[in-house]
């Protein structure tokens, strides 16, 4: 039995509607059962090994190219170059020989050409030594 109080007013409370929010669904990828996925992590040592393995063929290739790439190609015909020769006498030096065979040229250039042609270790010569004279200076003995 409802009891009413005098002077009381009745109020109705609006009802709330409860709405549910959509829950994002998980996308399931199909993977074979038993296959674990791992991320490859290289340590400093592992990176050094891989870098070395990548660099070794490059270094070997550069070395082989340097050893073989710059060589002159031999031809089938051989040209015989005739050189003039001078025998060193006592008291002679390459300087005096250079002045004698090429009086108008700079003796330093002539000496450098003689040393290069004869594959001398230095500009020192000994009496009795036979020296080949470059062809551009050969006529002035």
C-alpha atoms as a PDB file:
ATOM      1  CA  UNK A   1       0.000   0.000   0.000  1.00  0.00           C
ATOM      2  CA  UNK A   2       1.422   3.218  -1.084  1.00  0.00           C
ATOM      3  CA  UNK A   3       1.745   5.948   1.328  1.00  0.00           C
ATOM      4  CA  UNK A   4       1.557   9.514   0.237  1.00  0.00           C
ATOM      5  CA  UNK A   5       2.785  12.344   2.186  1.00  0.00           C
ATOM      6  CA  UNK A   6       0.931  15.534   2.202  1.00  0.00           C
ATOM      7  CA  UNK A   7       2.488  18.152   0.024  1.00  0.00           C
ATOM      8  CA  UNK A   8       4.906  15.737  -1.632  1.00  0.00           C
ATOM      9  CA  UNK A   9       5.205  15.854  -5.346  1.00  0.00           C
ATOM     10  CA  UNK A  10       6.176  12.926  -7.357  1.00  0.00           C
ATOM     11  CA  UNK A  11       8.993  13.089  -9.819  1.00  0.00           C
ATOM     12  CA  UNK A  12       9.917  10.703 -12.478  1.00  0.00           C
ATOM     13  CA  UNK A  13      13.540  10.018 -13.135  1.00  0.00           C
ATOM     14  CA  UNK A  14      14.473   9.758 -16.756  1.00  0.00           C
ATOM     15  CA  UNK A  15      15.806   6.369 -17.569  1.00  0.00           C
ATOM     16  CA  UNK A  16      19.284   5.998 -19.022  1.00  0.00           C
ATOM     17  CA  UNK A  17      19.858   3.774 -21.897  1.00  0.00           C
ATOM     18  CA  UNK A  18      23.081   1.832 -21.750  1.00  0.00           C
ATOM     19  CA  UNK A  19      24.850   1.509 -25.041  1.00  0.00           C
ATOM     20  CA  UNK A  20      27.789  -0.751 -25.525  1.00  0.00           C
ATOM     21  CA  UNK A  21      30.862   0.468 -27.345  1.00  0.00           C
ATOM     22  CA  UNK A  22      32.147  -1.573 -30.205  1.00  0.00           C
ATOM     23  CA  UNK A  23      35.200  -3.616 -29.223  1.00  0.00           C
ATOM     24  CA  UNK A  24      37.891  -3.730 -31.860  1.00  0.00           C
ATOM     25  CA  UNK A  25      38.267  -7.236 -33.117  1.00  0.00           C
ATOM     26  CA  UNK A  26      41.687  -8.872 -33.336  1.00  0.00           C
ATOM     27  CA  UNK A  27      42.825  -9.834 -36.746  1.00  0.00           C
ATOM     28  CA  UNK A  28      44.070 -13.355 -36.644  1.00  0.00           C
ATOM     29  CA  UNK A  29      46.698 -14.181 -39.190  1.00  0.00           C
ATOM     30  CA  UNK A  30      47.066 -17.691 -40.272  1.00  0.00           C
ATOM     31  CA  UNK A  31      50.470 -19.028 -39.275  1.00  0.00           C
ATOM     32  CA  UNK A  32      51.486 -22.608 -39.351  1.00  0.00           C
ATOM     33  CA  UNK A  33      51.189 -24.152 -35.964  1.00  0.00           C
ATOM     34  CA  UNK A  34      54.487 -24.520 -34.164  1.00  0.00           C
ATOM     35  CA  UNK A  35      56.361 -21.787 -36.058  1.00  0.00           C
ATOM     36  CA  UNK A  36      57.814 -19.252 -33.708  1.00  0.00           C
ATOM     37  CA  UNK A  37      58.485 -15.743 -34.937  1.00  0.00           C
ATOM     38  CA  UNK A  38      61.692 -14.191 -33.702  1.00  0.00           C
ATOM     39  CA  UNK A  39      63.412 -10.940 -34.390  1.00  0.00           C
ATOM     40  CA  UNK A  40      66.997 -11.195 -35.561  1.00  0.00           C
ATOM     41  CA  UNK A  41      69.287  -9.332 -33.231  1.00  0.00           C
ATOM     42  CA  UNK A  42      72.919  -8.978 -34.165  1.00  0.00           C
ATOM     43  CA  UNK A  43      75.477  -8.370 -31.512  1.00  0.00           C
ATOM     44  CA  UNK A  44      78.466  -6.134 -32.088  1.00  0.00           C
ATOM     45  CA  UNK A  45      80.538  -9.216 -32.780  1.00  0.00           C
ATOM     46  CA  UNK A  46      77.970 -10.502 -35.284  1.00  0.00           C
ATOM     47  CA  UNK A  47      77.928  -7.177 -37.135  1.00  0.00           C
ATOM     48  CA  UNK A  48      81.735  -7.237 -37.245  1.00  0.00           C
ATOM     49  CA  UNK A  49      81.720 -10.742 -38.710  1.00  0.00           C
ATOM     50  CA  UNK A  50      79.165  -9.846 -41.388  1.00  0.00           C
ATOM     51  CA  UNK A  51      81.025  -6.643 -42.266  1.00  0.00           C
ATOM     52  CA  UNK A  52      84.288  -8.553 -42.544  1.00  0.00           C
ATOM     53  CA  UNK A  53      82.712 -11.234 -44.713  1.00  0.00           C
ATOM     54  CA  UNK A  54      81.351  -8.541 -47.021  1.00  0.00           C
ATOM     55  CA  UNK A  55      84.632  -6.606 -47.147  1.00  0.00           C
ATOM     56  CA  UNK A  56      87.015  -9.508 -47.824  1.00  0.00           C
ATOM     57  CA  UNK A  57      85.893 -10.136 -51.435  1.00  0.00           C
ATOM     58  CA  UNK A  58      86.065  -6.409 -52.161  1.00  0.00           C
ATOM     59  CA  UNK A  59      89.619  -6.158 -50.825  1.00  0.00           C
ATOM     60  CA  UNK A  60      90.724  -9.249 -52.743  1.00  0.00           C
ATOM     61  CA  UNK A  61      89.150  -7.895 -55.932  1.00  0.00           C
ATOM     62  CA  UNK A  62      90.841  -4.518 -55.516  1.00  0.00           C
ATOM     63  CA  UNK A  63      94.183  -6.224 -54.869  1.00  0.00           C
ATOM     64  CA  UNK A  64      93.886  -8.420 -57.962  1.00  0.00           C
ATOM     65  CA  UNK A  65      92.850  -5.449 -60.076  1.00  0.00           C
ATOM     66  CA  UNK A  66      95.805  -3.418 -58.829  1.00  0.00           C
ATOM     67  CA  UNK A  67      98.221  -6.251 -59.530  1.00  0.00           C
ATOM     68  CA  UNK A  68      96.955  -7.117 -63.009  1.00  0.00           C
ATOM     69  CA  UNK A  69      94.969  -4.125 -64.202  1.00  0.00           C
ATOM     70  CA  UNK A  70      97.787  -1.662 -64.773  1.00  0.00           C
ATOM     71  CA  UNK A  71     100.187  -3.918 -66.649  1.00  0.00           C
ATOM     72  CA  UNK A  72     101.211  -3.241 -70.196  1.00  0.00           C
ATOM     73  CA  UNK A  73      99.926  -5.585 -72.835  1.00  0.00           C
ATOM     74  CA  UNK A  74     102.679  -7.406 -74.665  1.00  0.00           C
ATOM     75  CA  UNK A  75     102.460  -7.426 -78.430  1.00  0.00           C
ATOM     76  CA  UNK A  76     103.448 -10.256 -80.708  1.00  0.00           C
ATOM     77  CA  UNK A  77     106.111  -8.232 -82.481  1.00  0.00           C
ATOM     78  CA  UNK A  78     109.250  -7.452 -80.600  1.00  0.00           C
ATOM     79  CA  UNK A  79     111.093  -4.300 -81.392  1.00  0.00           C
ATOM     80  CA  UNK A  80     114.779  -4.353 -80.767  1.00  0.00           C
ATOM     81  CA  UNK A  81     115.907  -0.974 -79.568  1.00  0.00           C
ATOM     82  CA  UNK A  82     119.547  -0.235 -80.085  1.00  0.00           C
ATOM     83  CA  UNK A  83     121.239   1.756 -77.373  1.00  0.00           C
ATOM     84  CA  UNK A  84     124.545   3.485 -77.340  1.00  0.00           C
ATOM     85  CA  UNK A  85     126.808   2.456 -74.499  1.00  0.00           C
ATOM     86  CA  UNK A  86     129.444   4.352 -72.593  1.00  0.00           C
ATOM     87  CA  UNK A  87     132.108   2.737 -70.444  1.00  0.00           C
ATOM     88  CA  UNK A  88     132.818   4.706 -67.282  1.00  0.00           C
ATOM     89  CA  UNK A  89     136.487   5.746 -66.910  1.00  0.00           C
ATOM     90  CA  UNK A  90     138.326   6.603 -63.733  1.00  0.00           C
ATOM     91  CA  UNK A  91     137.266  10.001 -62.391  1.00  0.00           C
ATOM     92  CA  UNK A  92     134.045  10.132 -64.418  1.00  0.00           C
ATOM     93  CA  UNK A  93     130.627  10.638 -62.867  1.00  0.00           C
ATOM     94  CA  UNK A  94     127.150  10.549 -64.303  1.00  0.00           C
ATOM     95  CA  UNK A  95     127.216  14.336 -64.295  1.00  0.00           C
ATOM     96  CA  UNK A  96     130.256  14.478 -66.565  1.00  0.00           C
ATOM     97  CA  UNK A  97     128.799  11.773 -68.821  1.00  0.00           C
ATOM     98  CA  UNK A  98     125.484  13.682 -69.003  1.00  0.00           C
ATOM     99  CA  UNK A  99     127.279  16.916 -69.971  1.00  0.00           C
ATOM    100  CA  UNK A 100     129.284  15.064 -72.623  1.00  0.00           C
ATOM    101  CA  UNK A 101     126.386  13.226 -74.311  1.00  0.00           C
ATOM    102  CA  UNK A 102     123.827  16.063 -74.124  1.00  0.00           C
ATOM    103  CA  UNK A 103     125.548  19.434 -73.748  1.00  0.00           C
ATOM    104  CA  UNK A 104     122.366  21.448 -74.395  1.00  0.00           C
ATOM    105  CA  UNK A 105     120.118  19.467 -72.016  1.00  0.00           C
ATOM    106  CA  UNK A 106     119.797  19.838 -68.264  1.00  0.00           C
ATOM    107  CA  UNK A 107     122.242  17.297 -66.744  1.00  0.00           C
ATOM    108  CA  UNK A 108     119.752  16.433 -63.977  1.00  0.00           C
ATOM    109  CA  UNK A 109     117.196  15.270 -66.545  1.00  0.00           C
ATOM    110  CA  UNK A 110     119.801  13.284 -68.470  1.00  0.00           C
ATOM    111  CA  UNK A 111     121.047  11.623 -65.256  1.00  0.00           C
ATOM    112  CA  UNK A 112     117.473  10.723 -64.270  1.00  0.00           C
ATOM    113  CA  UNK A 113     116.928   9.107 -67.691  1.00  0.00           C
ATOM    114  CA  UNK A 114     120.209   7.160 -67.461  1.00  0.00           C
ATOM    115  CA  UNK A 115     119.443   5.934 -63.924  1.00  0.00           C
ATOM    116  CA  UNK A 116     115.948   4.862 -65.003  1.00  0.00           C
ATOM    117  CA  UNK A 117     117.106   3.092 -68.179  1.00  0.00           C
ATOM    118  CA  UNK A 118     119.911   1.192 -66.437  1.00  0.00           C
ATOM    119  CA  UNK A 119     117.851   0.530 -63.289  1.00  0.00           C
ATOM    120  CA  UNK A 120     120.587   1.939 -61.086  1.00  0.00           C
ATOM    121  CA  UNK A 121     120.021   2.172 -57.334  1.00  0.00           C
ATOM    122  CA  UNK A 122     121.819   5.537 -57.168  1.00  0.00           C
ATOM    123  CA  UNK A 123     123.749   7.953 -59.371  1.00  0.00           C
ATOM    124  CA  UNK A 124     127.092   6.483 -58.291  1.00  0.00           C
ATOM    125  CA  UNK A 125     129.036   4.673 -61.019  1.00  0.00           C
ATOM    126  CA  UNK A 126     132.302   2.742 -60.905  1.00  0.00           C
ATOM    127  CA  UNK A 127     135.143   2.701 -63.453  1.00  0.00           C
ATOM    128  CA  UNK A 128     134.648  -0.020 -66.058  1.00  0.00           C
ATOM    129  CA  UNK A 129     130.856  -0.004 -65.686  1.00  0.00           C
ATOM    130  CA  UNK A 130     129.011  -0.083 -69.011  1.00  0.00           C
ATOM    131  CA  UNK A 131     126.104   2.396 -69.111  1.00  0.00           C
ATOM    132  CA  UNK A 132     123.331   2.404 -71.719  1.00  0.00           C
ATOM    133  CA  UNK A 133     122.534   5.860 -73.048  1.00  0.00           C
ATOM    134  CA  UNK A 134     118.890   6.763 -73.808  1.00  0.00           C
ATOM    135  CA  UNK A 135     118.203   6.988 -77.538  1.00  0.00           C
ATOM    136  CA  UNK A 136     117.374  10.713 -77.471  1.00  0.00           C
ATOM    137  CA  UNK A 137     120.950  11.427 -76.252  1.00  0.00           C
ATOM    138  CA  UNK A 138     122.762   8.640 -78.147  1.00  0.00           C
ATOM    139  CA  UNK A 139     124.288  10.700 -80.966  1.00  0.00           C
ATOM    140  CA  UNK A 140     126.421  13.070 -78.897  1.00  0.00           C
ATOM    141  CA  UNK A 141     129.088  10.733 -77.552  1.00  0.00           C
END
